[in-house]
Amino acid sequence: MARDNARMARDMVSPEMWQTLTRMQNTVSGQVQDIDDESWEDLLSQVTMDALTFQSLLVSTILQDEAYHFMMIGTMLERALSTLRLLLSYFGTLSLWDNESLYAVNALKSVTGYGAFRRAYRKQLQAPDVIQFLLFEPAIPRSVVSAAAHLLRELQALPEPGGMPRLLAGHLSAQLSYDTMDLVMEATPEVYVRRLITQFEQIHDGLMIRYFQPEVQEV
């Protein structure tokens, strides 16, 4: 699907990005039919590396015009929502864990954040630390607070940066900058994260209405 979308916007995608998408498609389509259990890890590692390469190419090989800003807006929305939904899944299994550290490592590796986490927290992995890191650590790109800040900057870079989406993004970015784990625990982590998901989805819906929904002509 990503390659089909890129084909429709071929003039906005750099040759390097197109080559990476083609390689990803060939890798997946060539292996997924015959893959065995032992090969899944290698395939997922390759797809992860190609996805990271694509993100690097996005910010380094194309003209940073209006189309670029919209691509980055989509990237930041997707990044925030995927991290939040990962946390929801994380909460849903906490009570079932026999080895909290093992599952915490897996959650961090899912967002390629394990190495960064170990630099910030040198003690044994605990659930509250993982939650705080993925929500509020501005120095890691996959954290929710980082995605919200970048989302706001990209919205402000549009030719017409006003409107409800920017206001919602500004409020959300400020909220995440000042919220603490005490507030998360007071609301319960699941409730807090679901509220954030709703707020990011409202920004998405506002963008669709403002920039992509065709105007209805009055008769």
N, C-alpha and C. Protein backbone atom coordinates (compact mmCIF):
# COMPACT_ATOMS: atom_id res chain seq x y z
N MET A 1 0.83 -1.20 0.00
CA MET A 1 0.00 0.00 0.00
C MET A 1 0.87 1.26 0.00
N ALA A 2 1.95 1.25 0.78
CA ALA A 2 2.83 2.43 0.82
C ALA A 2 3.40 2.71 -0.57
N ARG A 3 3.78 1.65 -1.29
CA ARG A 3 4.36 1.84 -2.62
C ARG A 3 3.29 2.35 -3.59
N ASP A 4 2.07 1.86 -3.46
CA ASP A 4 0.98 2.35 -4.32
C ASP A 4 0.72 3.83 -4.06
N ASN A 5 0.73 4.22 -2.77
CA ASN A 5 0.55 5.64 -2.44
C ASN A 5 1.68 6.49 -3.01
N ALA A 6 2.90 5.97 -2.92
CA ALA A 6 4.05 6.70 -3.45
C ALA A 6 3.96 6.84 -4.97
N ARG A 7 3.44 5.81 -5.63
CA ARG A 7 3.31 5.87 -7.08
C ARG A 7 2.39 7.02 -7.49
N MET A 8 1.32 7.24 -6.71
CA MET A 8 0.37 8.31 -7.03
C MET A 8 0.99 9.69 -6.81
N ALA A 9 2.03 9.75 -6.00
CA ALA A 9 2.73 11.03 -5.76
C ALA A 9 4.19 10.89 -6.16
N ARG A 10 4.41 10.26 -7.31
CA ARG A 10 5.77 9.89 -7.73
C ARG A 10 6.69 11.10 -7.83
N ASP A 11 6.16 12.25 -8.26
CA ASP A 11 7.02 13.42 -8.44
C ASP A 11 7.44 14.04 -7.12
N MET A 12 6.81 13.63 -6.00
CA MET A 12 7.16 14.18 -4.69
C MET A 12 8.09 13.25 -3.92
N VAL A 13 8.33 12.06 -4.44
CA VAL A 13 9.15 11.06 -3.76
C VAL A 13 10.51 10.99 -4.45
N SER A 14 11.58 11.03 -3.68
CA SER A 14 12.91 10.99 -4.27
C SER A 14 13.21 9.59 -4.82
N PRO A 15 14.13 9.49 -5.79
CA PRO A 15 14.50 8.17 -6.31
C PRO A 15 14.98 7.21 -5.22
N GLU A 16 15.69 7.74 -4.24
CA GLU A 16 16.19 6.89 -3.15
C GLU A 16 15.04 6.33 -2.31
N MET A 17 14.02 7.16 -2.06
CA MET A 17 12.86 6.69 -1.32
C MET A 17 12.11 5.63 -2.11
N TRP A 18 11.97 5.84 -3.41
CA TRP A 18 11.28 4.88 -4.25
C TRP A 18 12.02 3.54 -4.27
N GLN A 19 13.33 3.58 -4.35
CA GLN A 19 14.13 2.35 -4.35
C GLN A 19 13.97 1.59 -3.04
N THR A 20 13.92 2.34 -1.93
CA THR A 20 13.75 1.69 -0.63
C THR A 20 12.39 1.03 -0.53
N LEU A 21 11.33 1.71 -0.98
CA LEU A 21 10.00 1.12 -0.96
C LEU A 21 9.94 -0.13 -1.83
N THR A 22 10.55 -0.06 -3.00
CA THR A 22 10.56 -1.22 -3.89
C THR A 22 11.29 -2.40 -3.25
N ARG A 23 12.43 -2.12 -2.60
CA ARG A 23 13.17 -3.18 -1.92
C ARG A 23 12.34 -3.78 -0.79
N MET A 24 11.64 -2.94 -0.03
CA MET A 24 10.80 -3.45 1.05
C MET A 24 9.71 -4.36 0.51
N GLN A 25 9.06 -3.92 -0.57
CA GLN A 25 7.99 -4.73 -1.15
C GLN A 25 8.53 -6.07 -1.65
N ASN A 26 9.67 -6.04 -2.32
CA ASN A 26 10.25 -7.28 -2.83
C ASN A 26 10.67 -8.21 -1.70
N THR A 27 11.20 -7.63 -0.63
CA THR A 27 11.61 -8.44 0.52
C THR A 27 10.43 -9.16 1.13
N VAL A 28 9.35 -8.42 1.35
CA VAL A 28 8.17 -9.00 2.01
C VAL A 28 7.46 -9.98 1.09
N SER A 29 7.16 -9.56 -0.13
CA SER A 29 6.41 -10.43 -1.04
C SER A 29 7.20 -11.67 -1.43
N GLY A 30 8.53 -11.57 -1.42
CA GLY A 30 9.34 -12.71 -1.80
C GLY A 30 9.53 -13.73 -0.69
N GLN A 31 9.25 -13.35 0.57
CA GLN A 31 9.51 -14.26 1.68
C GLN A 31 8.29 -14.65 2.49
N VAL A 32 7.29 -13.79 2.54
CA VAL A 32 6.21 -14.00 3.50
C VAL A 32 5.41 -15.26 3.21
N GLN A 33 5.36 -15.70 1.95
CA GLN A 33 4.58 -16.88 1.61
C GLN A 33 5.23 -18.16 2.14
N ASP A 34 6.55 -18.22 2.11
CA ASP A 34 7.25 -19.46 2.45
C ASP A 34 8.02 -19.36 3.76
N ILE A 35 7.78 -18.33 4.53
CA ILE A 35 8.61 -18.11 5.72
C ILE A 35 8.29 -19.12 6.81
N ASP A 36 9.31 -19.54 7.55
CA ASP A 36 9.10 -20.42 8.69
C ASP A 36 9.30 -19.62 9.97
N ASP A 37 9.02 -20.28 11.08
CA ASP A 37 9.06 -19.57 12.37
C ASP A 37 10.43 -18.98 12.66
N GLU A 38 11.50 -19.66 12.26
CA GLU A 38 12.84 -19.20 12.58
C GLU A 38 13.26 -17.99 11.74
N SER A 39 12.57 -17.77 10.62
CA SER A 39 12.96 -16.68 9.71
C SER A 39 12.22 -15.38 9.98
N TRP A 40 11.19 -15.42 10.83
CA TRP A 40 10.40 -14.21 11.07
C TRP A 40 11.25 -13.09 11.64
N GLU A 41 12.13 -13.42 12.57
CA GLU A 41 12.94 -12.38 13.21
C GLU A 41 13.83 -11.67 12.20
N ASP A 42 14.45 -12.44 11.29
CA ASP A 42 15.30 -11.83 10.27
C ASP A 42 14.50 -10.93 9.34
N LEU A 43 13.30 -11.40 8.95
CA LEU A 43 12.46 -10.60 8.06
C LEU A 43 12.03 -9.31 8.72
N LEU A 44 11.58 -9.40 9.97
CA LEU A 44 11.13 -8.20 10.68
C LEU A 44 12.28 -7.23 10.91
N SER A 45 13.46 -7.75 11.18
CA SER A 45 14.63 -6.87 11.35
C SER A 45 14.95 -6.13 10.06
N GLN A 46 14.85 -6.83 8.92
CA GLN A 46 15.12 -6.19 7.64
C GLN A 46 14.09 -5.12 7.32
N VAL A 47 12.81 -5.42 7.58
CA VAL A 47 11.75 -4.44 7.34
C VAL A 47 11.93 -3.22 8.24
N THR A 48 12.30 -3.46 9.50
CA THR A 48 12.53 -2.35 10.43
C THR A 48 13.65 -1.46 9.93
N MET A 49 14.75 -2.05 9.49
CA MET A 49 15.88 -1.25 9.00
C MET A 49 15.50 -0.48 7.74
N ASP A 50 14.73 -1.10 6.85
CA ASP A 50 14.30 -0.38 5.65
C ASP A 50 13.37 0.77 6.00
N ALA A 51 12.49 0.56 6.99
CA ALA A 51 11.59 1.64 7.40
C ALA A 51 12.37 2.81 8.00
N LEU A 52 13.39 2.50 8.80
CA LEU A 52 14.22 3.57 9.36
C LEU A 52 15.00 4.29 8.27
N THR A 53 15.46 3.54 7.28
CA THR A 53 16.16 4.16 6.15
C THR A 53 15.22 5.10 5.40
N PHE A 54 13.99 4.65 5.20
CA PHE A 54 13.02 5.48 4.48
C PHE A 54 12.76 6.79 5.23
N GLN A 55 12.62 6.72 6.56
CA GLN A 55 12.40 7.93 7.34
C GLN A 55 13.58 8.88 7.24
N SER A 56 14.78 8.34 7.23
CA SER A 56 15.97 9.18 7.07
C SER A 56 16.00 9.84 5.71
N LEU A 57 15.63 9.09 4.68
CA LEU A 57 15.60 9.65 3.32
C LEU A 57 14.53 10.72 3.19
N LEU A 58 13.44 10.55 3.90
CA LEU A 58 12.35 11.53 3.83
C LEU A 58 12.82 12.92 4.23
N VAL A 59 13.65 12.99 5.26
CA VAL A 59 14.08 14.30 5.76
C VAL A 59 15.36 14.80 5.10
N SER A 60 15.96 13.97 4.23
CA SER A 60 17.26 14.37 3.68
C SER A 60 17.34 14.42 2.16
N THR A 61 16.29 13.95 1.46
CA THR A 61 16.43 13.85 0.00
C THR A 61 15.33 14.54 -0.79
N ILE A 62 14.32 15.11 -0.15
CA ILE A 62 13.26 15.74 -0.93
C ILE A 62 13.14 17.23 -0.58
N LEU A 63 12.52 17.96 -1.48
CA LEU A 63 12.29 19.38 -1.27
C LEU A 63 11.36 19.57 -0.07
N GLN A 64 11.76 20.42 0.86
CA GLN A 64 10.96 20.61 2.08
C GLN A 64 9.93 21.71 1.85
N ASP A 65 8.96 21.38 1.00
CA ASP A 65 7.90 22.31 0.66
C ASP A 65 6.62 21.91 1.39
N GLU A 66 5.49 22.39 0.91
CA GLU A 66 4.22 22.10 1.58
C GLU A 66 3.93 20.60 1.63
N ALA A 67 4.23 19.90 0.53
CA ALA A 67 3.99 18.46 0.50
C ALA A 67 4.83 17.75 1.57
N TYR A 68 6.07 18.20 1.73
CA TYR A 68 6.94 17.63 2.77
C TYR A 68 6.33 17.82 4.15
N HIS A 69 5.82 19.02 4.42
CA HIS A 69 5.25 19.29 5.74
C HIS A 69 4.05 18.39 6.00
N PHE A 70 3.23 18.15 4.98
CA PHE A 70 2.09 17.26 5.18
C PHE A 70 2.56 15.82 5.42
N MET A 71 3.62 15.39 4.74
CA MET A 71 4.15 14.05 4.99
C MET A 71 4.66 13.94 6.42
N MET A 72 5.32 14.98 6.90
CA MET A 72 5.83 14.95 8.27
C MET A 72 4.70 15.01 9.29
N ILE A 73 3.65 15.76 8.98
CA ILE A 73 2.47 15.79 9.86
C ILE A 73 1.89 14.38 9.98
N GLY A 74 1.74 13.70 8.84
CA GLY A 74 1.25 12.33 8.88
C GLY A 74 2.17 11.41 9.65
N THR A 75 3.47 11.59 9.47
CA THR A 75 4.45 10.77 10.18
C THR A 75 4.34 10.96 11.68
N MET A 76 4.21 12.20 12.14
CA MET A 76 4.16 12.47 13.58
C MET A 76 2.85 11.97 14.20
N LEU A 77 1.75 12.11 13.47
CA LEU A 77 0.49 11.57 13.97
C LEU A 77 0.58 10.05 14.10
N GLU A 78 1.10 9.41 13.07
CA GLU A 78 1.22 7.95 13.10
C GLU A 78 2.18 7.51 14.20
N ARG A 79 3.27 8.23 14.37
CA ARG A 79 4.25 7.88 15.40
C ARG A 79 3.64 7.97 16.79
N ALA A 80 2.95 9.06 17.06
CA ALA A 80 2.34 9.23 18.38
C ALA A 80 1.29 8.16 18.64
N LEU A 81 0.42 7.93 17.66
CA LEU A 81 -0.67 6.97 17.86
C LEU A 81 -0.14 5.55 17.98
N SER A 82 0.89 5.19 17.23
CA SER A 82 1.43 3.83 17.34
C SER A 82 2.08 3.62 18.70
N THR A 83 2.77 4.63 19.21
CA THR A 83 3.37 4.51 20.55
C THR A 83 2.30 4.40 21.62
N LEU A 84 1.26 5.19 21.50
CA LEU A 84 0.17 5.14 22.48
C LEU A 84 -0.54 3.79 22.44
N ARG A 85 -0.77 3.26 21.26
CA ARG A 85 -1.45 1.96 21.16
C ARG A 85 -0.55 0.83 21.64
N LEU A 86 0.76 0.99 21.45
CA LEU A 86 1.69 0.03 22.03
C LEU A 86 1.57 0.05 23.55
N LEU A 87 1.48 1.24 24.13
CA LEU A 87 1.33 1.34 25.59
C LEU A 87 0.04 0.71 26.06
N LEU A 88 -1.05 0.87 25.31
CA LEU A 88 -2.30 0.22 25.69
C LEU A 88 -2.14 -1.29 25.73
N SER A 89 -1.47 -1.84 24.74
CA SER A 89 -1.21 -3.27 24.73
C SER A 89 -0.32 -3.67 25.90
N TYR A 90 0.64 -2.81 26.20
CA TYR A 90 1.55 -3.03 27.33
C TYR A 90 0.78 -3.10 28.64
N PHE A 91 -0.15 -2.15 28.85
CA PHE A 91 -0.95 -2.15 30.07
C PHE A 91 -1.79 -3.41 30.17
N GLY A 92 -2.33 -3.86 29.03
CA GLY A 92 -3.24 -5.00 29.04
C GLY A 92 -2.60 -6.30 29.47
N THR A 93 -1.27 -6.40 29.41
CA THR A 93 -0.59 -7.63 29.78
C THR A 93 0.21 -7.50 31.08
N LEU A 94 0.24 -6.31 31.66
CA LEU A 94 1.07 -6.12 32.87
C LEU A 94 0.74 -7.13 33.96
N SER A 95 -0.56 -7.35 34.21
CA SER A 95 -0.95 -8.23 35.31
C SER A 95 -0.63 -9.69 35.01
N LEU A 96 -0.33 -10.02 33.74
CA LEU A 96 -0.06 -11.40 33.37
C LEU A 96 1.43 -11.72 33.36
N TRP A 97 2.26 -10.71 33.52
CA TRP A 97 3.69 -10.92 33.34
C TRP A 97 4.33 -11.67 34.51
N ASP A 98 5.13 -12.68 34.17
CA ASP A 98 5.96 -13.32 35.17
C ASP A 98 7.34 -12.67 35.20
N ASN A 99 7.71 -12.07 34.09
CA ASN A 99 9.02 -11.42 33.98
C ASN A 99 8.82 -10.04 33.39
N GLU A 100 8.61 -9.04 34.26
CA GLU A 100 8.30 -7.69 33.80
C GLU A 100 9.42 -7.11 32.95
N SER A 101 10.66 -7.37 33.34
CA SER A 101 11.79 -6.80 32.60
C SER A 101 11.84 -7.30 31.17
N LEU A 102 11.57 -8.58 30.96
CA LEU A 102 11.62 -9.14 29.61
C LEU A 102 10.60 -8.46 28.71
N TYR A 103 9.38 -8.30 29.20
CA TYR A 103 8.34 -7.68 28.38
C TYR A 103 8.59 -6.19 28.20
N ALA A 104 9.19 -5.55 29.20
CA ALA A 104 9.54 -4.14 29.05
C ALA A 104 10.59 -3.96 27.95
N VAL A 105 11.55 -4.86 27.89
CA VAL A 105 12.56 -4.82 26.82
C VAL A 105 11.89 -4.95 25.46
N ASN A 106 10.96 -5.87 25.34
CA ASN A 106 10.27 -6.07 24.06
C ASN A 106 9.47 -4.84 23.66
N ALA A 107 8.82 -4.19 24.64
CA ALA A 107 8.05 -2.98 24.33
C ALA A 107 8.97 -1.88 23.82
N LEU A 108 10.12 -1.71 24.46
CA LEU A 108 11.07 -0.67 24.04
C LEU A 108 11.67 -0.99 22.68
N LYS A 109 11.97 -2.25 22.44
CA LYS A 109 12.53 -2.62 21.14
C LYS A 109 11.52 -2.42 20.02
N SER A 110 10.23 -2.48 20.35
CA SER A 110 9.20 -2.27 19.34
C SER A 110 9.25 -0.86 18.77
N VAL A 111 9.78 0.08 19.54
CA VAL A 111 9.91 1.46 19.05
C VAL A 111 11.39 1.84 18.90
N THR A 112 12.24 0.83 18.76
CA THR A 112 13.69 1.03 18.65
C THR A 112 14.21 2.00 19.72
N GLY A 113 13.72 1.81 20.95
CA GLY A 113 14.09 2.73 22.02
C GLY A 113 14.84 2.09 23.17
N TYR A 114 15.22 0.82 23.03
CA TYR A 114 15.85 0.14 24.17
C TYR A 114 17.20 0.75 24.52
N GLY A 115 18.04 1.00 23.51
CA GLY A 115 19.36 1.56 23.78
C GLY A 115 19.28 2.92 24.44
N ALA A 116 18.36 3.76 23.94
CA ALA A 116 18.20 5.09 24.52
C ALA A 116 17.69 5.00 25.95
N PHE A 117 16.78 4.04 26.21
CA PHE A 117 16.26 3.87 27.56
C PHE A 117 17.37 3.49 28.53
N ARG A 118 18.25 2.58 28.12
CA ARG A 118 19.31 2.13 29.01
C ARG A 118 20.29 3.25 29.33
N ARG A 119 20.43 4.21 28.43
CA ARG A 119 21.29 5.37 28.72
C ARG A 119 20.63 6.28 29.75
N ALA A 120 19.30 6.37 29.72
CA ALA A 120 18.59 7.26 30.63
C ALA A 120 18.31 6.60 31.98
N TYR A 121 18.07 5.29 31.98
CA TYR A 121 17.73 4.56 33.21
C TYR A 121 18.69 3.38 33.33
N ARG A 122 19.56 3.42 34.30
CA ARG A 122 20.56 2.37 34.45
C ARG A 122 20.15 1.34 35.50
N LYS A 123 18.98 1.52 36.09
CA LYS A 123 18.50 0.53 37.06
C LYS A 123 17.68 -0.53 36.33
N GLN A 124 17.15 -1.48 37.10
CA GLN A 124 16.33 -2.53 36.51
C GLN A 124 15.07 -1.94 35.88
N LEU A 125 14.68 -2.49 34.73
CA LEU A 125 13.51 -1.97 34.03
C LEU A 125 12.25 -2.20 34.85
N GLN A 126 11.46 -1.13 34.99
CA GLN A 126 10.18 -1.22 35.68
C GLN A 126 9.12 -0.52 34.84
N ALA A 127 7.88 -0.99 34.98
CA ALA A 127 6.79 -0.48 34.14
C ALA A 127 6.64 1.04 34.20
N PRO A 128 6.62 1.67 35.38
CA PRO A 128 6.45 3.13 35.40
C PRO A 128 7.54 3.88 34.65
N ASP A 129 8.78 3.37 34.70
CA ASP A 129 9.87 4.03 33.97
C ASP A 129 9.67 3.93 32.46
N VAL A 130 9.22 2.78 31.99
CA VAL A 130 8.97 2.60 30.56
C VAL A 130 7.85 3.52 30.10
N ILE A 131 6.79 3.61 30.90
CA ILE A 131 5.66 4.48 30.56
C ILE A 131 6.11 5.94 30.50
N GLN A 132 6.84 6.37 31.52
CA GLN A 132 7.32 7.75 31.55
C GLN A 132 8.23 8.05 30.37
N PHE A 133 9.09 7.12 30.04
CA PHE A 133 10.04 7.30 28.93
C PHE A 133 9.30 7.46 27.61
N LEU A 134 8.34 6.60 27.34
CA LEU A 134 7.64 6.63 26.06
C LEU A 134 6.64 7.77 25.96
N LEU A 135 6.18 8.27 27.09
CA LEU A 135 5.26 9.41 27.07
C LEU A 135 5.99 10.74 27.10
N PHE A 136 6.95 10.91 28.00
CA PHE A 136 7.41 12.24 28.36
C PHE A 136 8.89 12.55 28.08
N GLU A 137 9.64 11.62 27.51
CA GLU A 137 11.06 11.89 27.27
C GLU A 137 11.23 12.63 25.93
N PRO A 138 11.53 13.93 25.97
CA PRO A 138 11.59 14.70 24.72
C PRO A 138 12.80 14.36 23.86
N ALA A 139 13.81 13.70 24.43
CA ALA A 139 15.03 13.43 23.69
C ALA A 139 14.95 12.19 22.81
N ILE A 140 13.86 11.43 22.90
CA ILE A 140 13.72 10.25 22.04
C ILE A 140 12.64 10.53 21.00
N PRO A 141 12.93 10.34 19.72
CA PRO A 141 11.97 10.70 18.67
C PRO A 141 10.64 9.96 18.76
N ARG A 142 10.64 8.73 19.28
CA ARG A 142 9.41 7.95 19.30
C ARG A 142 8.53 8.24 20.52
N SER A 143 8.96 9.13 21.41
CA SER A 143 8.10 9.46 22.54
C SER A 143 6.92 10.30 22.08
N VAL A 144 5.86 10.27 22.85
CA VAL A 144 4.65 11.00 22.48
C VAL A 144 4.88 12.51 22.57
N VAL A 145 5.60 12.96 23.59
CA VAL A 145 5.85 14.40 23.73
C VAL A 145 6.69 14.92 22.57
N SER A 146 7.65 14.14 22.11
CA SER A 146 8.47 14.55 20.98
C SER A 146 7.65 14.61 19.70
N ALA A 147 6.81 13.62 19.47
CA ALA A 147 5.96 13.62 18.27
C ALA A 147 5.01 14.80 18.28
N ALA A 148 4.46 15.13 19.45
CA ALA A 148 3.53 16.27 19.54
C ALA A 148 4.24 17.59 19.24
N ALA A 149 5.46 17.75 19.74
CA ALA A 149 6.21 18.98 19.49
C ALA A 149 6.55 19.13 18.01
N HIS A 150 6.98 18.04 17.38
CA HIS A 150 7.29 18.09 15.95
C HIS A 150 6.03 18.31 15.11
N LEU A 151 4.93 17.71 15.53
CA LEU A 151 3.66 17.91 14.83
C LEU A 151 3.28 19.39 14.84
N LEU A 152 3.40 20.04 15.98
CA LEU A 152 3.06 21.45 16.08
C LEU A 152 3.95 22.29 15.16
N ARG A 153 5.25 22.00 15.14
CA ARG A 153 6.16 22.76 14.28
C ARG A 153 5.81 22.59 12.80
N GLU A 154 5.44 21.39 12.41
CA GLU A 154 5.08 21.17 11.00
C GLU A 154 3.78 21.89 10.65
N LEU A 155 2.83 21.92 11.56
CA LEU A 155 1.58 22.64 11.32
C LEU A 155 1.85 24.14 11.19
N GLN A 156 2.76 24.65 12.00
CA GLN A 156 3.09 26.08 11.94
C GLN A 156 3.83 26.44 10.66
N ALA A 157 4.43 25.45 10.01
CA ALA A 157 5.18 25.71 8.77
C ALA A 157 4.30 25.74 7.53
N LEU A 158 3.05 25.34 7.66
CA LEU A 158 2.15 25.37 6.50
C LEU A 158 1.85 26.81 6.10
N PRO A 159 1.54 27.03 4.82
CA PRO A 159 1.23 28.39 4.37
C PRO A 159 0.08 29.03 5.13
N GLU A 160 -0.89 28.21 5.54
CA GLU A 160 -2.01 28.70 6.34
C GLU A 160 -2.02 27.92 7.65
N PRO A 161 -1.19 28.33 8.62
CA PRO A 161 -0.99 27.53 9.81
C PRO A 161 -2.08 27.65 10.87
N GLY A 162 -3.07 28.48 10.64
CA GLY A 162 -4.09 28.70 11.65
C GLY A 162 -5.11 27.58 11.70
N GLY A 163 -6.19 27.85 12.38
CA GLY A 163 -7.27 26.89 12.42
C GLY A 163 -7.21 25.97 13.62
N MET A 164 -8.27 25.18 13.75
CA MET A 164 -8.41 24.31 14.90
C MET A 164 -7.31 23.26 15.03
N PRO A 165 -6.84 22.62 13.95
CA PRO A 165 -5.78 21.62 14.14
C PRO A 165 -4.55 22.17 14.85
N ARG A 166 -4.11 23.37 14.47
CA ARG A 166 -2.93 23.95 15.12
C ARG A 166 -3.21 24.28 16.58
N LEU A 167 -4.42 24.79 16.86
CA LEU A 167 -4.77 25.10 18.25
C LEU A 167 -4.78 23.84 19.11
N LEU A 168 -5.37 22.78 18.56
CA LEU A 168 -5.40 21.51 19.30
C LEU A 168 -3.99 20.97 19.51
N ALA A 169 -3.16 21.06 18.48
CA ALA A 169 -1.79 20.57 18.60
C ALA A 169 -0.99 21.39 19.60
N GLY A 170 -1.19 22.70 19.61
CA GLY A 170 -0.50 23.55 20.57
C GLY A 170 -0.89 23.23 22.00
N HIS A 171 -2.18 23.03 22.22
CA HIS A 171 -2.66 22.68 23.56
C HIS A 171 -2.09 21.33 23.98
N LEU A 172 -2.11 20.36 23.07
CA LEU A 172 -1.64 19.02 23.41
C LEU A 172 -0.14 19.00 23.68
N SER A 173 0.63 19.72 22.87
CA SER A 173 2.08 19.77 23.07
C SER A 173 2.42 20.40 24.42
N ALA A 174 1.72 21.48 24.77
CA ALA A 174 1.96 22.12 26.07
C ALA A 174 1.56 21.20 27.21
N GLN A 175 0.44 20.53 27.06
CA GLN A 175 -0.02 19.60 28.10
C GLN A 175 1.02 18.52 28.36
N LEU A 176 1.53 17.92 27.29
CA LEU A 176 2.50 16.84 27.44
C LEU A 176 3.82 17.34 28.03
N SER A 177 4.15 18.59 27.77
CA SER A 177 5.39 19.16 28.30
C SER A 177 5.34 19.33 29.81
N TYR A 178 4.13 19.48 30.36
CA TYR A 178 4.00 19.76 31.79
C TYR A 178 3.37 18.62 32.59
N ASP A 179 2.75 17.67 31.92
CA ASP A 179 2.18 16.54 32.64
C ASP A 179 3.28 15.69 33.28
N THR A 180 2.92 14.98 34.33
CA THR A 180 3.87 14.15 35.06
C THR A 180 3.29 12.76 35.27
N MET A 181 4.12 11.86 35.73
CA MET A 181 3.65 10.51 36.02
C MET A 181 2.64 10.50 37.15
N ASP A 182 2.70 11.47 38.04
CA ASP A 182 1.68 11.54 39.10
C ASP A 182 0.29 11.73 38.50
N LEU A 183 0.19 12.58 37.48
CA LEU A 183 -1.10 12.78 36.81
C LEU A 183 -1.53 11.52 36.07
N VAL A 184 -0.56 10.83 35.47
CA VAL A 184 -0.88 9.58 34.77
C VAL A 184 -1.43 8.55 35.73
N MET A 185 -0.76 8.39 36.86
CA MET A 185 -1.19 7.38 37.83
C MET A 185 -2.50 7.77 38.49
N GLU A 186 -2.72 9.07 38.66
CA GLU A 186 -3.99 9.52 39.26
C GLU A 186 -5.17 9.16 38.36
N ALA A 187 -4.99 9.34 37.06
CA ALA A 187 -6.07 9.03 36.12
C ALA A 187 -6.14 7.54 35.80
N THR A 188 -5.07 6.82 36.07
CA THR A 188 -4.70 5.46 35.65
C THR A 188 -4.07 5.55 34.26
N PRO A 189 -2.99 4.81 34.03
CA PRO A 189 -2.30 4.90 32.74
C PRO A 189 -3.20 4.64 31.54
N GLU A 190 -4.08 3.65 31.64
CA GLU A 190 -4.93 3.34 30.49
C GLU A 190 -5.86 4.49 30.15
N VAL A 191 -6.48 5.09 31.15
CA VAL A 191 -7.39 6.22 30.91
C VAL A 191 -6.62 7.40 30.33
N TYR A 192 -5.45 7.68 30.88
CA TYR A 192 -4.64 8.80 30.39
C TYR A 192 -4.26 8.61 28.93
N VAL A 193 -3.81 7.42 28.58
CA VAL A 193 -3.39 7.16 27.20
C VAL A 193 -4.57 7.21 26.25
N ARG A 194 -5.71 6.70 26.66
CA ARG A 194 -6.90 6.76 25.79
C ARG A 194 -7.31 8.21 25.54
N ARG A 195 -7.16 9.06 26.51
CA ARG A 195 -7.45 10.49 26.31
C ARG A 195 -6.51 11.09 25.27
N LEU A 196 -5.25 10.73 25.35
CA LEU A 196 -4.29 11.24 24.37
C LEU A 196 -4.62 10.75 22.96
N ILE A 197 -4.99 9.49 22.85
CA ILE A 197 -5.38 8.96 21.54
C ILE A 197 -6.53 9.76 20.96
N THR A 198 -7.52 10.06 21.79
CA THR A 198 -8.66 10.86 21.34
C THR A 198 -8.20 12.23 20.86
N GLN A 199 -7.28 12.86 21.59
CA GLN A 199 -6.80 14.20 21.21
C GLN A 199 -6.04 14.17 19.88
N PHE A 200 -5.19 13.18 19.69
CA PHE A 200 -4.48 13.08 18.41
C PHE A 200 -5.45 12.78 17.27
N GLU A 201 -6.45 11.96 17.52
CA GLU A 201 -7.43 11.67 16.48
C GLU A 201 -8.26 12.90 16.13
N GLN A 202 -8.51 13.76 17.11
CA GLN A 202 -9.22 15.02 16.83
C GLN A 202 -8.39 15.92 15.91
N ILE A 203 -7.07 15.95 16.13
CA ILE A 203 -6.20 16.73 15.24
C ILE A 203 -6.26 16.16 13.82
N HIS A 204 -6.18 14.85 13.72
CA HIS A 204 -6.28 14.20 12.40
C HIS A 204 -7.58 14.55 11.71
N ASP A 205 -8.69 14.44 12.43
CA ASP A 205 -9.99 14.74 11.83
C ASP A 205 -10.08 16.21 11.43
N GLY A 206 -9.52 17.09 12.26
CA GLY A 206 -9.53 18.52 11.92
C GLY A 206 -8.73 18.81 10.67
N LEU A 207 -7.61 18.12 10.49
CA LEU A 207 -6.81 18.29 9.28
C LEU A 207 -7.57 17.82 8.04
N MET A 208 -8.26 16.70 8.17
CA MET A 208 -9.03 16.19 7.04
C MET A 208 -10.10 17.18 6.62
N ILE A 209 -10.77 17.78 7.59
CA ILE A 209 -11.83 18.74 7.28
C ILE A 209 -11.24 20.01 6.68
N ARG A 210 -10.14 20.50 7.26
CA ARG A 210 -9.59 21.79 6.84
C ARG A 210 -8.91 21.73 5.47
N TYR A 211 -8.19 20.64 5.21
CA TYR A 211 -7.34 20.62 4.02
C TYR A 211 -7.77 19.63 2.93
N PHE A 212 -8.55 18.62 3.28
CA PHE A 212 -8.81 17.56 2.31
C PHE A 212 -10.28 17.32 1.99
N GLN A 213 -11.17 17.84 2.80
CA GLN A 213 -12.59 17.63 2.53
C GLN A 213 -13.06 18.64 1.49
N PRO A 214 -13.63 18.19 0.37
CA PRO A 214 -14.08 19.15 -0.65
C PRO A 214 -15.21 20.02 -0.14
N GLU A 215 -15.17 21.28 -0.54
CA GLU A 215 -16.22 22.20 -0.14
C GLU A 215 -17.52 21.87 -0.87
N VAL A 216 -18.60 21.97 -0.13
CA VAL A 216 -19.92 21.72 -0.71
C VAL A 216 -20.44 23.01 -1.30
N GLN A 217 -20.71 22.98 -2.57
CA GLN A 217 -21.21 24.17 -3.25
C GLN A 217 -22.71 24.33 -3.01
N GLU A 218 -23.09 25.52 -2.55
CA GLU A 218 -24.51 25.78 -2.34
C GLU A 218 -25.21 25.97 -3.69
N VAL A 219 -26.39 25.40 -3.79
CA VAL A 219 -27.18 25.52 -5.02
C VAL A 219 -28.01 26.80 -4.96
